[in-house]
PDB file of N, CA and C in Angstrom:
ATOM      1  N   MET A   1      17.341  38.613  -7.300  1.00  0.00           N
ATOM      2  CA  MET A   1      17.078  37.385  -8.025  1.00  0.00           C
ATOM      3  C   MET A   1      18.373  36.934  -8.679  1.00  0.00           C
ATOM      4  N   GLY A   2      18.596  35.660  -8.705  1.00  0.00           N
ATOM      5  CA  GLY A   2      19.779  35.120  -9.352  1.00  0.00           C
ATOM      6  C   GLY A   2      19.493  33.762  -9.945  1.00  0.00           C
ATOM      7  N   VAL A   3      20.233  33.419 -10.980  1.00  0.00           N
ATOM      8  CA  VAL A   3      20.104  32.122 -11.627  1.00  0.00           C
ATOM      9  C   VAL A   3      21.479  31.493 -11.681  1.00  0.00           C
ATOM     10  N   VAL A   4      21.557  30.246 -11.246  1.00  0.00           N
ATOM     11  CA  VAL A   4      22.812  29.503 -11.261  1.00  0.00           C
ATOM     12  C   VAL A   4      22.644  28.329 -12.222  1.00  0.00           C
ATOM     13  N   ARG A   5      23.621  28.149 -13.100  1.00  0.00           N
ATOM     14  CA  ARG A   5      23.554  27.059 -14.076  1.00  0.00           C
ATOM     15  C   ARG A   5      24.834  26.237 -13.997  1.00  0.00           C
ATOM     16  N   ARG A   6      24.667  24.934 -14.048  1.00  0.00           N
ATOM     17  CA  ARG A   6      25.806  24.029 -14.181  1.00  0.00           C
ATOM     18  C   ARG A   6      25.360  22.873 -15.057  1.00  0.00           C
ATOM     19  N   ASP A   7      26.004  22.719 -16.201  1.00  0.00           N
ATOM     20  CA  ASP A   7      25.604  21.737 -17.199  1.00  0.00           C
ATOM     21  C   ASP A   7      24.120  21.951 -17.527  1.00  0.00           C
ATOM     22  N   ALA A   8      23.290  20.930 -17.348  1.00  0.00           N
ATOM     23  CA  ALA A   8      21.870  21.056 -17.685  1.00  0.00           C
ATOM     24  C   ALA A   8      21.010  21.504 -16.506  1.00  0.00           C
ATOM     25  N   ALA A   9      21.599  21.650 -15.327  1.00  0.00           N
ATOM     26  CA  ALA A   9      20.829  22.035 -14.139  1.00  0.00           C
ATOM     27  C   ALA A   9      20.794  23.559 -14.006  1.00  0.00           C
ATOM     28  N   VAL A  10      19.609  24.084 -13.744  1.00  0.00           N
ATOM     29  CA  VAL A  10      19.422  25.520 -13.553  1.00  0.00           C
ATOM     30  C   VAL A  10      18.598  25.718 -12.285  1.00  0.00           C
ATOM     31  N   ILE A  11      19.080  26.580 -11.383  1.00  0.00           N
ATOM     32  CA  ILE A  11      18.354  26.893 -10.159  1.00  0.00           C
ATOM     33  C   ILE A  11      18.134  28.393 -10.103  1.00  0.00           C
ATOM     34  N   MET A  12      16.902  28.798  -9.779  1.00  0.00           N
ATOM     35  CA  MET A  12      16.561  30.210  -9.669  1.00  0.00           C
ATOM     36  C   MET A  12      16.370  30.540  -8.191  1.00  0.00           C
ATOM     37  N   PHE A  13      17.024  31.593  -7.717  1.00  0.00           N
ATOM     38  CA  PHE A  13      16.895  32.064  -6.343  1.00  0.00           C
ATOM     39  C   PHE A  13      16.274  33.445  -6.365  1.00  0.00           C
ATOM     40  N   LYS A  14      15.482  33.755  -5.330  1.00  0.00           N
ATOM     41  CA  LYS A  14      14.932  35.102  -5.257  1.00  0.00           C
ATOM     42  C   LYS A  14      14.567  35.437  -3.820  1.00  0.00           C
ATOM     43  N   ALA A  15      14.608  36.710  -3.543  1.00  0.00           N
ATOM     44  CA  ALA A  15      14.144  37.231  -2.258  1.00  0.00           C
ATOM     45  C   ALA A  15      13.177  38.358  -2.588  1.00  0.00           C
ATOM     46  N   LEU A  16      12.037  38.356  -1.948  1.00  0.00           N
ATOM     47  CA  LEU A  16      11.002  39.331  -2.244  1.00  0.00           C
ATOM     48  C   LEU A  16      10.788  40.256  -1.071  1.00  0.00           C
ATOM     49  N   GLY A  17      10.486  41.482  -1.369  1.00  0.00           N
ATOM     50  CA  GLY A  17      10.156  42.438  -0.328  1.00  0.00           C
ATOM     51  C   GLY A  17       8.901  43.202  -0.686  1.00  0.00           C
ATOM     52  N   GLU A  18       8.181  43.631   0.330  1.00  0.00           N
ATOM     53  CA  GLU A  18       7.011  44.476   0.157  1.00  0.00           C
ATOM     54  C   GLU A  18       7.134  45.642   1.126  1.00  0.00           C
ATOM     55  N   VAL A  19       6.504  46.742   0.786  1.00  0.00           N
ATOM     56  CA  VAL A  19       6.524  47.902   1.672  1.00  0.00           C
ATOM     57  C   VAL A  19       5.261  47.876   2.522  1.00  0.00           C
ATOM     58  N   LEU A  20       5.458  47.781   3.823  1.00  0.00           N
ATOM     59  CA  LEU A  20       4.356  47.804   4.782  1.00  0.00           C
ATOM     60  C   LEU A  20       4.618  48.913   5.787  1.00  0.00           C
ATOM     61  N   ASP A  21       3.662  49.818   5.927  1.00  0.00           N
ATOM     62  CA  ASP A  21       3.808  50.937   6.861  1.00  0.00           C
ATOM     63  C   ASP A  21       5.101  51.718   6.614  1.00  0.00           C
ATOM     64  N   GLY A  22       5.469  51.879   5.339  1.00  0.00           N
ATOM     65  CA  GLY A  22       6.646  52.657   4.996  1.00  0.00           C
ATOM     66  C   GLY A  22       7.972  51.927   5.133  1.00  0.00           C
ATOM     67  N   LYS A  23       7.954  50.658   5.543  1.00  0.00           N
ATOM     68  CA  LYS A  23       9.196  49.889   5.693  1.00  0.00           C
ATOM     69  C   LYS A  23       9.164  48.686   4.767  1.00  0.00           C
ATOM     70  N   GLU A  24      10.329  48.403   4.156  1.00  0.00           N
ATOM     71  CA  GLU A  24      10.401  47.222   3.310  1.00  0.00           C
ATOM     72  C   GLU A  24      10.663  46.005   4.185  1.00  0.00           C
ATOM     73  N   VAL A  25       9.856  44.978   3.993  1.00  0.00           N
ATOM     74  CA  VAL A  25      10.003  43.741   4.755  1.00  0.00           C
ATOM     75  C   VAL A  25      10.028  42.569   3.785  1.00  0.00           C
ATOM     76  N   LEU A  26      10.766  41.530   4.148  1.00  0.00           N
ATOM     77  CA  LEU A  26      10.778  40.325   3.330  1.00  0.00           C
ATOM     78  C   LEU A  26       9.448  39.606   3.488  1.00  0.00           C
ATOM     79  N   VAL A  27       9.028  38.945   2.432  1.00  0.00           N
ATOM     80  CA  VAL A  27       7.782  38.187   2.460  1.00  0.00           C
ATOM     81  C   VAL A  27       8.103  36.719   2.265  1.00  0.00           C
ATOM     82  N   GLU A  28       7.185  35.871   2.666  1.00  0.00           N
ATOM     83  CA  GLU A  28       7.376  34.434   2.485  1.00  0.00           C
ATOM     84  C   GLU A  28       7.550  34.133   0.995  1.00  0.00           C
ATOM     85  N   PRO A  29       8.517  33.303   0.621  1.00  0.00           N
ATOM     86  CA  PRO A  29       8.834  33.107  -0.791  1.00  0.00           C
ATOM     87  C   PRO A  29       7.906  32.179  -1.553  1.00  0.00           C
ATOM     88  N   VAL A  30       7.158  31.293  -0.900  1.00  0.00           N
ATOM     89  CA  VAL A  30       6.343  30.349  -1.660  1.00  0.00           C
ATOM     90  C   VAL A  30       4.983  30.180  -1.016  1.00  0.00           C
ATOM     91  N   PRO A  31       3.939  29.870  -1.773  1.00  0.00           N
ATOM     92  CA  PRO A  31       3.893  30.010  -3.228  1.00  0.00           C
ATOM     93  C   PRO A  31       3.718  31.461  -3.628  1.00  0.00           C
ATOM     94  N   ASN A  32       4.226  31.780  -4.779  1.00  0.00           N
ATOM     95  CA  ASN A  32       4.250  33.163  -5.246  1.00  0.00           C
ATOM     96  C   ASN A  32       3.341  33.435  -6.436  1.00  0.00           C
ATOM     97  N   PHE A  33       2.610  32.465  -6.902  1.00  0.00           N
ATOM     98  CA  PHE A  33       1.922  32.612  -8.177  1.00  0.00           C
ATOM     99  C   PHE A  33       0.916  33.755  -8.208  1.00  0.00           C
ATOM    100  N   LYS A  34       0.374  34.152  -7.087  1.00  0.00           N
ATOM    101  CA  LYS A  34      -0.610  35.242  -7.067  1.00  0.00           C
ATOM    102  C   LYS A  34       0.047  36.619  -6.915  1.00  0.00           C
ATOM    103  N   ARG A  35       1.371  36.688  -6.837  1.00  0.00           N
ATOM    104  CA  ARG A  35       2.074  37.966  -6.681  1.00  0.00           C
ATOM    105  C   ARG A  35       2.222  38.675  -8.021  1.00  0.00           C
ATOM    106  N   LYS A  36       2.954  39.794  -8.003  1.00  0.00           N
ATOM    107  CA  LYS A  36       3.212  40.555  -9.223  1.00  0.00           C
ATOM    108  C   LYS A  36       3.788  39.628 -10.290  1.00  0.00           C
ATOM    109  N   PRO A  37       3.451  39.857 -11.558  1.00  0.00           N
ATOM    110  CA  PRO A  37       3.939  38.970 -12.621  1.00  0.00           C
ATOM    111  C   PRO A  37       5.448  38.766 -12.635  1.00  0.00           C
ATOM    112  N   ALA A  38       6.230  39.789 -12.321  1.00  0.00           N
ATOM    113  CA  ALA A  38       7.686  39.645 -12.387  1.00  0.00           C
ATOM    114  C   ALA A  38       8.216  38.704 -11.313  1.00  0.00           C
ATOM    115  N   PHE A  39       7.444  38.454 -10.263  1.00  0.00           N
ATOM    116  CA  PHE A  39       7.925  37.635  -9.155  1.00  0.00           C
ATOM    117  C   PHE A  39       7.074  36.405  -8.914  1.00  0.00           C
ATOM    118  N   CYS A  40       6.189  36.072  -9.832  1.00  0.00           N
ATOM    119  CA  CYS A  40       5.212  35.026  -9.546  1.00  0.00           C
ATOM    120  C   CYS A  40       5.739  33.606  -9.720  1.00  0.00           C
ATOM    121  N   LEU A  41       6.819  33.408 -10.419  1.00  0.00           N
ATOM    122  CA  LEU A  41       7.269  32.041 -10.673  1.00  0.00           C
ATOM    123  C   LEU A  41       8.039  31.482  -9.487  1.00  0.00           C
ATOM    124  N   ASP A  42       7.743  30.235  -9.167  1.00  0.00           N
ATOM    125  CA  ASP A  42       8.441  29.542  -8.096  1.00  0.00           C
ATOM    126  C   ASP A  42       9.510  28.610  -8.635  1.00  0.00           C
ATOM    127  N   ALA A  43       9.390  28.219  -9.897  1.00  0.00           N
ATOM    128  CA  ALA A  43      10.393  27.333 -10.495  1.00  0.00           C
ATOM    129  C   ALA A  43      10.430  27.562 -12.001  1.00  0.00           C
ATOM    130  N   PHE A  44      11.617  27.414 -12.556  1.00  0.00           N
ATOM    131  CA  PHE A  44      11.801  27.452 -14.006  1.00  0.00           C
ATOM    132  C   PHE A  44      12.503  26.173 -14.408  1.00  0.00           C
ATOM    133  N   VAL A  45      11.938  25.479 -15.390  1.00  0.00           N
ATOM    134  CA  VAL A  45      12.541  24.251 -15.904  1.00  0.00           C
ATOM    135  C   VAL A  45      12.917  24.498 -17.354  1.00  0.00           C
ATOM    136  N   ASP A  46      14.212  24.433 -17.641  1.00  0.00           N
ATOM    137  CA  ASP A  46      14.707  24.612 -19.005  1.00  0.00           C
ATOM    138  C   ASP A  46      14.495  23.301 -19.753  1.00  0.00           C
ATOM    139  N   VAL A  47      13.641  23.338 -20.762  1.00  0.00           N
ATOM    140  CA  VAL A  47      13.334  22.139 -21.545  1.00  0.00           C
ATOM    141  C   VAL A  47      13.761  22.372 -22.991  1.00  0.00           C
ATOM    142  N   PRO A  48      14.290  21.352 -23.653  1.00  0.00           N
ATOM    143  CA  PRO A  48      14.799  21.549 -25.005  1.00  0.00           C
ATOM    144  C   PRO A  48      13.718  21.853 -26.037  1.00  0.00           C
ATOM    145  N   ASP A  49      12.491  21.350 -25.834  1.00  0.00           N
ATOM    146  CA  ASP A  49      11.420  21.543 -26.820  1.00  0.00           C
ATOM    147  C   ASP A  49      10.116  21.885 -26.105  1.00  0.00           C
ATOM    148  N   PRO A  50       9.924  23.167 -25.760  1.00  0.00           N
ATOM    149  CA  PRO A  50       8.711  23.540 -25.047  1.00  0.00           C
ATOM    150  C   PRO A  50       7.433  23.257 -25.840  1.00  0.00           C
ATOM    151  N   ASP A  51       7.501  23.309 -27.163  1.00  0.00           N
ATOM    152  CA  ASP A  51       6.316  23.032 -27.978  1.00  0.00           C
ATOM    153  C   ASP A  51       5.849  21.592 -27.792  1.00  0.00           C
ATOM    154  N   ALA A  52       6.797  20.650 -27.837  1.00  0.00           N
ATOM    155  CA  ALA A  52       6.456  19.241 -27.672  1.00  0.00           C
ATOM    156  C   ALA A  52       5.924  18.970 -26.267  1.00  0.00           C
ATOM    157  N   LEU A  53       6.540  19.573 -25.256  1.00  0.00           N
ATOM    158  CA  LEU A  53       6.087  19.360 -23.883  1.00  0.00           C
ATOM    159  C   LEU A  53       4.699  19.962 -23.676  1.00  0.00           C
ATOM    160  N   ALA A  54       4.458  21.144 -24.231  1.00  0.00           N
ATOM    161  CA  ALA A  54       3.131  21.757 -24.118  1.00  0.00           C
ATOM    162  C   ALA A  54       2.073  20.885 -24.785  1.00  0.00           C
ATOM    163  N   ALA A  55       2.394  20.306 -25.938  1.00  0.00           N
ATOM    164  CA  ALA A  55       1.454  19.416 -26.630  1.00  0.00           C
ATOM    165  C   ALA A  55       1.172  18.177 -25.785  1.00  0.00           C
ATOM    166  N   GLU A  56       2.211  17.624 -25.160  1.00  0.00           N
ATOM    167  CA  GLU A  56       2.019  16.454 -24.297  1.00  0.00           C
ATOM    168  C   GLU A  56       1.141  16.814 -23.095  1.00  0.00           C
ATOM    169  N   PHE A  57       1.446  17.948 -22.455  1.00  0.00           N
ATOM    170  CA  PHE A  57       0.642  18.378 -21.303  1.00  0.00           C
ATOM    171  C   PHE A  57      -0.811  18.592 -21.714  1.00  0.00           C
ATOM    172  N   ALA A  58      -1.034  19.257 -22.855  1.00  0.00           N
ATOM    173  CA  ALA A  58      -2.398  19.521 -23.322  1.00  0.00           C
ATOM    174  C   ALA A  58      -3.150  18.220 -23.587  1.00  0.00           C
ATOM    175  N   SER A  59      -2.457  17.228 -24.139  1.00  0.00           N
ATOM    176  CA  SER A  59      -3.103  15.945 -24.429  1.00  0.00           C
ATOM    177  C   SER A  59      -3.514  15.209 -23.154  1.00  0.00           C
ATOM    178  N   ARG A  60      -2.908  15.590 -22.035  1.00  0.00           N
ATOM    179  CA  ARG A  60      -3.240  14.973 -20.742  1.00  0.00           C
ATOM    180  C   ARG A  60      -4.191  15.845 -19.916  1.00  0.00           C
ATOM    181  N   GLY A  61      -4.681  16.924 -20.520  1.00  0.00           N
ATOM    182  CA  GLY A  61      -5.662  17.756 -19.851  1.00  0.00           C
ATOM    183  C   GLY A  61      -5.104  18.785 -18.884  1.00  0.00           C
ATOM    184  N   VAL A  62      -3.803  19.068 -18.956  1.00  0.00           N
ATOM    185  CA  VAL A  62      -3.198  20.069 -18.075  1.00  0.00           C
ATOM    186  C   VAL A  62      -3.716  21.450 -18.469  1.00  0.00           C
ATOM    187  N   LEU A  63      -4.086  22.252 -17.468  1.00  0.00           N
ATOM    188  CA  LEU A  63      -4.529  23.621 -17.710  1.00  0.00           C
ATOM    189  C   LEU A  63      -3.328  24.556 -17.657  1.00  0.00           C
ATOM    190  N   PHE A  64      -3.230  25.456 -18.612  1.00  0.00           N
ATOM    191  CA  PHE A  64      -2.118  26.395 -18.691  1.00  0.00           C
ATOM    192  C   PHE A  64      -2.525  27.729 -18.068  1.00  0.00           C
ATOM    193  N   SER A  65      -1.716  28.244 -17.161  1.00  0.00           N
ATOM    194  CA  SER A  65      -1.949  29.571 -16.593  1.00  0.00           C
ATOM    195  C   SER A  65      -1.487  30.642 -17.577  1.00  0.00           C
ATOM    196  N   VAL A  66      -0.392  30.364 -18.261  1.00  0.00           N
ATOM    197  CA  VAL A  66       0.110  31.203 -19.350  1.00  0.00           C
ATOM    198  C   VAL A  66       0.363  30.256 -20.515  1.00  0.00           C
ATOM    199  N   PRO A  67      -0.346  30.421 -21.629  1.00  0.00           N
ATOM    200  CA  PRO A  67      -0.175  29.491 -22.746  1.00  0.00           C
ATOM    201  C   PRO A  67       1.207  29.600 -23.393  1.00  0.00           C
ATOM    202  N   LEU A  68       1.539  28.598 -24.160  1.00  0.00           N
ATOM    203  CA  LEU A  68       2.804  28.568 -24.892  1.00  0.00           C
ATOM    204  C   LEU A  68       2.937  29.825 -25.738  1.00  0.00           C
ATOM    205  N   GLY A  69       4.098  30.457 -25.626  1.00  0.00           N
ATOM    206  CA  GLY A  69       4.333  31.663 -26.407  1.00  0.00           C
ATOM    207  C   GLY A  69       5.753  32.146 -26.246  1.00  0.00           C
ATOM    208  N   ASP A  70       6.041  33.262 -26.891  1.00  0.00           N
ATOM    209  CA  ASP A  70       7.373  33.868 -26.878  1.00  0.00           C
ATOM    210  C   ASP A  70       7.346  35.143 -26.044  1.00  0.00           C
ATOM    211  N   SER A  71       8.336  35.295 -25.162  1.00  0.00           N
ATOM    212  CA  SER A  71       8.428  36.504 -24.346  1.00  0.00           C
ATOM    213  C   SER A  71       9.373  37.508 -25.012  1.00  0.00           C
ATOM    214  N   ASP A  72       9.350  38.736 -24.506  1.00  0.00           N
ATOM    215  CA  ASP A  72      10.208  39.787 -25.052  1.00  0.00           C
ATOM    216  C   ASP A  72      11.690  39.523 -24.805  1.00  0.00           C
ATOM    217  N   ASP A  73      12.008  38.697 -23.784  1.00  0.00           N
ATOM    218  CA  ASP A  73      13.419  38.438 -23.463  1.00  0.00           C
ATOM    219  C   ASP A  73      13.951  37.179 -24.126  1.00  0.00           C
ATOM    220  N   GLY A  74      13.252  36.662 -25.144  1.00  0.00           N
ATOM    221  CA  GLY A  74      13.768  35.543 -25.926  1.00  0.00           C
ATOM    222  C   GLY A  74      13.385  34.168 -25.427  1.00  0.00           C
ATOM    223  N   LEU A  75      12.496  34.090 -24.463  1.00  0.00           N
ATOM    224  CA  LEU A  75      12.101  32.790 -23.913  1.00  0.00           C
ATOM    225  C   LEU A  75      10.845  32.290 -24.614  1.00  0.00           C
ATOM    226  N   ARG A  76      10.850  31.031 -24.999  1.00  0.00           N
ATOM    227  CA  ARG A  76       9.629  30.376 -25.502  1.00  0.00           C
ATOM    228  C   ARG A  76       9.223  29.379 -24.440  1.00  0.00           C
ATOM    229  N   GLY A  77       8.003  29.495 -23.963  1.00  0.00           N
ATOM    230  CA  GLY A  77       7.575  28.584 -22.929  1.00  0.00           C
ATOM    231  C   GLY A  77       6.153  28.816 -22.484  1.00  0.00           C
ATOM    232  N   PHE A  78       5.793  28.185 -21.367  1.00  0.00           N
ATOM    233  CA  PHE A  78       4.446  28.264 -20.815  1.00  0.00           C
ATOM    234  C   PHE A  78       4.533  28.108 -19.309  1.00  0.00           C
ATOM    235  N   VAL A  79       3.434  28.436 -18.633  1.00  0.00           N
ATOM    236  CA  VAL A  79       3.383  28.369 -17.173  1.00  0.00           C
ATOM    237  C   VAL A  79       2.154  27.583 -16.750  1.00  0.00           C
ATOM    238  N   ILE A  80       2.334  26.739 -15.742  1.00  0.00           N
ATOM    239  CA  ILE A  80       1.214  26.061 -15.104  1.00  0.00           C
ATOM    240  C   ILE A  80       1.263  26.362 -13.610  1.00  0.00           C
ATOM    241  N   GLU A  81       0.135  26.219 -12.960  1.00  0.00           N
ATOM    242  CA  GLU A  81       0.073  26.375 -11.513  1.00  0.00           C
ATOM    243  C   GLU A  81      -0.144  24.986 -10.924  1.00  0.00           C
ATOM    244  N   ASP A  82       0.730  24.567  -9.999  1.00  0.00           N
ATOM    245  CA  ASP A  82       0.567  23.242  -9.413  1.00  0.00           C
ATOM    246  C   ASP A  82      -0.533  23.258  -8.355  1.00  0.00           C
ATOM    247  N   ILE A  83      -0.837  22.100  -7.792  1.00  0.00           N
ATOM    248  CA  ILE A  83      -1.961  21.990  -6.855  1.00  0.00           C
ATOM    249  C   ILE A  83      -1.744  22.764  -5.562  1.00  0.00           C
ATOM    250  N   ASP A  84      -0.506  23.142  -5.267  1.00  0.00           N
ATOM    251  CA  ASP A  84      -0.211  23.920  -4.071  1.00  0.00           C
ATOM    252  C   ASP A  84      -0.130  25.415  -4.347  1.00  0.00           C
ATOM    253  N   GLY A  85      -0.370  25.828  -5.589  1.00  0.00           N
ATOM    254  CA  GLY A  85      -0.359  27.241  -5.932  1.00  0.00           C
ATOM    255  C   GLY A  85       0.976  27.771  -6.403  1.00  0.00           C
ATOM    256  N   HIS A  86       1.935  26.899  -6.694  1.00  0.00           N
ATOM    257  CA  HIS A  86       3.241  27.327  -7.185  1.00  0.00           C
ATOM    258  C   HIS A  86       3.191  27.536  -8.707  1.00  0.00           C
ATOM    259  N   GLY A  87       3.823  28.617  -9.175  1.00  0.00           N
ATOM    260  CA  GLY A  87       3.916  28.883 -10.605  1.00  0.00           C
ATOM    261  C   GLY A  87       5.141  28.202 -11.179  1.00  0.00           C
ATOM    262  N   LEU A  88       4.919  27.276 -12.118  1.00  0.00           N
ATOM    263  CA  LEU A  88       6.005  26.503 -12.730  1.00  0.00           C
ATOM    264  C   LEU A  88       6.119  26.877 -14.201  1.00  0.00           C
ATOM    265  N   CYS A  89       7.266  27.377 -14.590  1.00  0.00           N
ATOM    266  CA  CYS A  89       7.505  27.778 -15.973  1.00  0.00           C
ATOM    267  C   CYS A  89       8.382  26.731 -16.658  1.00  0.00           C
ATOM    268  N   PHE A  90       7.962  26.300 -17.824  1.00  0.00           N
ATOM    269  CA  PHE A  90       8.729  25.374 -18.656  1.00  0.00           C
ATOM    270  C   PHE A  90       9.069  26.115 -19.932  1.00  0.00           C
ATOM    271  N   GLY A  91      10.348  26.211 -20.265  1.00  0.00           N
ATOM    272  CA  GLY A  91      10.689  26.954 -21.469  1.00  0.00           C
ATOM    273  C   GLY A  91      12.133  26.793 -21.870  1.00  0.00           C
ATOM    274  N   HIS A  92      12.468  27.516 -22.928  1.00  0.00           N
ATOM    275  CA  HIS A  92      13.827  27.469 -23.467  1.00  0.00           C
ATOM    276  C   HIS A  92      14.108  28.806 -24.153  1.00  0.00           C
ATOM    277  N   VAL A  93      15.315  29.301 -23.966  1.00  0.00           N
ATOM    278  CA  VAL A  93      15.719  30.554 -24.612  1.00  0.00           C
ATOM    279  C   VAL A  93      15.976  30.269 -26.083  1.00  0.00           C
ATOM    280  N   ARG A  94      15.305  31.032 -26.936  1.00  0.00           N
ATOM    281  CA  ARG A  94      15.484  30.857 -28.387  1.00  0.00           C
ATOM    282  C   ARG A  94      16.877  31.324 -28.779  1.00  0.00           C
ATOM    283  N   SER A  95      17.458  30.574 -29.716  1.00  0.00           N
ATOM    284  CA  SER A  95      18.793  30.987 -30.178  1.00  0.00           C
ATOM    285  C   SER A  95      18.743  31.795 -31.430  1.00  0.00           C
TER     286      SER A  95
END
């Protein structure tokens, strides 16, 4: 897994493998939302105010797969699942 940042743009890359019949094989990368929690996100969007965005989404009836909260690695954010099954995380690293 790798993350590339330039100015305000952030892109997350990942390659996943599973063990089948004793051999590790690559698996299709998308959508990943039903996979292990560490690999379930298909996109991360760095937003300056995740609280405000979560409030806006909630006011429009968006369902949250993971509600707004703080993670152990310093991220404040939330996750939604899009209509195609992709896990989309919106958040910001707390300073």
